[in-house]
Amino acid sequence: MKRLRVGVIGVGHLGQAHARILAGLPDVELVGVADANPNQARMVAERHDCRMFTHYGPLLDLVDAACVVVNTTHHHTVSRPFLDRGIHLLIEKPITVTVEQADDLIAAARKSGAVLQVGHIERFNPAFEELCSRPIRPKFVECERHGPFTGRSMDIGAVLDLMIHDIDLLHALDGSPAVSVEAMGVAVFGQHEDMVNARIRFESGCVATVTASRIAAMPKRRLRIWAPEGYAGVDFVHRKLSLVQPCDELRRNGIDARNLDPAKRAQLQSEVFGRHLEMDHMTCNAPADQLTRELQDFVRAASTGGRPRVSGEDGRNALALATRVLDSVRRHQWDGRADGAIGMTMPAASGRLFGMPQRAAA
């Protein structure tokens, strides 16, 4: 069987990993890599015995498929020529900067018959996959995605860099349109937001609170769901899934603690978890890491013409909701009035929380 000829455009921090994994897949021939930094392109190309380019143009005549791993602001410009030629693409998230650009790429892919996949990698987290195999209808969801400052992806803010992962997961879990969005965020180290909190209400009645920070001291990536079926908690960092459900007797008959004498109330207190609320905690494993499995899915879709797990439309829908979050962030009134601080700049501080400044020497 003929191997799929693939190229990688952008071989920085993440693109290097794309190239490494693709070079090791048996059904793939890594034809070449392109990067505006010639030293970077040369280093990665030599490592994987492929061709190097400082512009993506030559790859248009050499590949069947490609991964676009450049800055988000360049996604549309780089991707469109490949899709026009029917070259299958995996574009790292977010799909583009604007919804209009995403719609344009989706239309180009449909016209040429190219597969268009978006790199929402958490869909391949084994703990989330295990959750999706269960019958659960979310009604309240909490998402937290915190990470330390890395200095990367500074062309976008925390919403498109981090929060969009959880927005995509919410769409995968619920699927109904968002009917309201209220958000606030702060820019700390640049012109884009570094911390954001959003409250999203969906047509299904589900309500989600989503928090993202890229200036946290410790990484945290978790999702918690309350549903008619019970509770589910996903720890994306450690790939753990926790499930809690009422026992069958509690579902059928319930328990009215008001009618219990003190001894039975004490017994109920000691038996809540385990007897009445059943628990299951599992560490979820997969045969390969998430990026490898995402790229394997892309190779499968590109080779067969099948639908990838995360399509261009999925990426577009996540971007559309993320854009609504950003619009709400920009409108937020910190003082509750239009003539006060608005957007991503908080009001001036009224003082220090700790560590009084030293007095100047006399």
Foldseek 3Di string as FASTA:
>chain_A
DAAFEEEEEDCDPVSLVVLVLQLPDPRYDHAAYEDLPQVSRVVSCVVSVHYYYPDCVVCLVPGQEYEYDDAQQCLLVRQLVNLLQQRAYEYEFLNHQDLVSLVVSVVSNVVSLHFYFYRLLLCLLQLLVVVVVDDFQFAEKEWEWEAAADVPSPVEEQLRVPVLSVLLSVCVRHVAAWPDKAKAFADDPDDYGAKMWMWTAGPVNHIYIYIYHHHDPHTFTKMWGQGPQFIWIAGRVQQKIKTKGFDPVCVVPNDDLVPDDPVVNVVCVVCVEPNGIDMDMDRGDDPDDSVSVQVVQSSVCSVPVDHGPGGSVSSSSSSVVSVVNQVNNQADAQVPDPPHDGHRHHDDDPDDPDDDDDDDDD
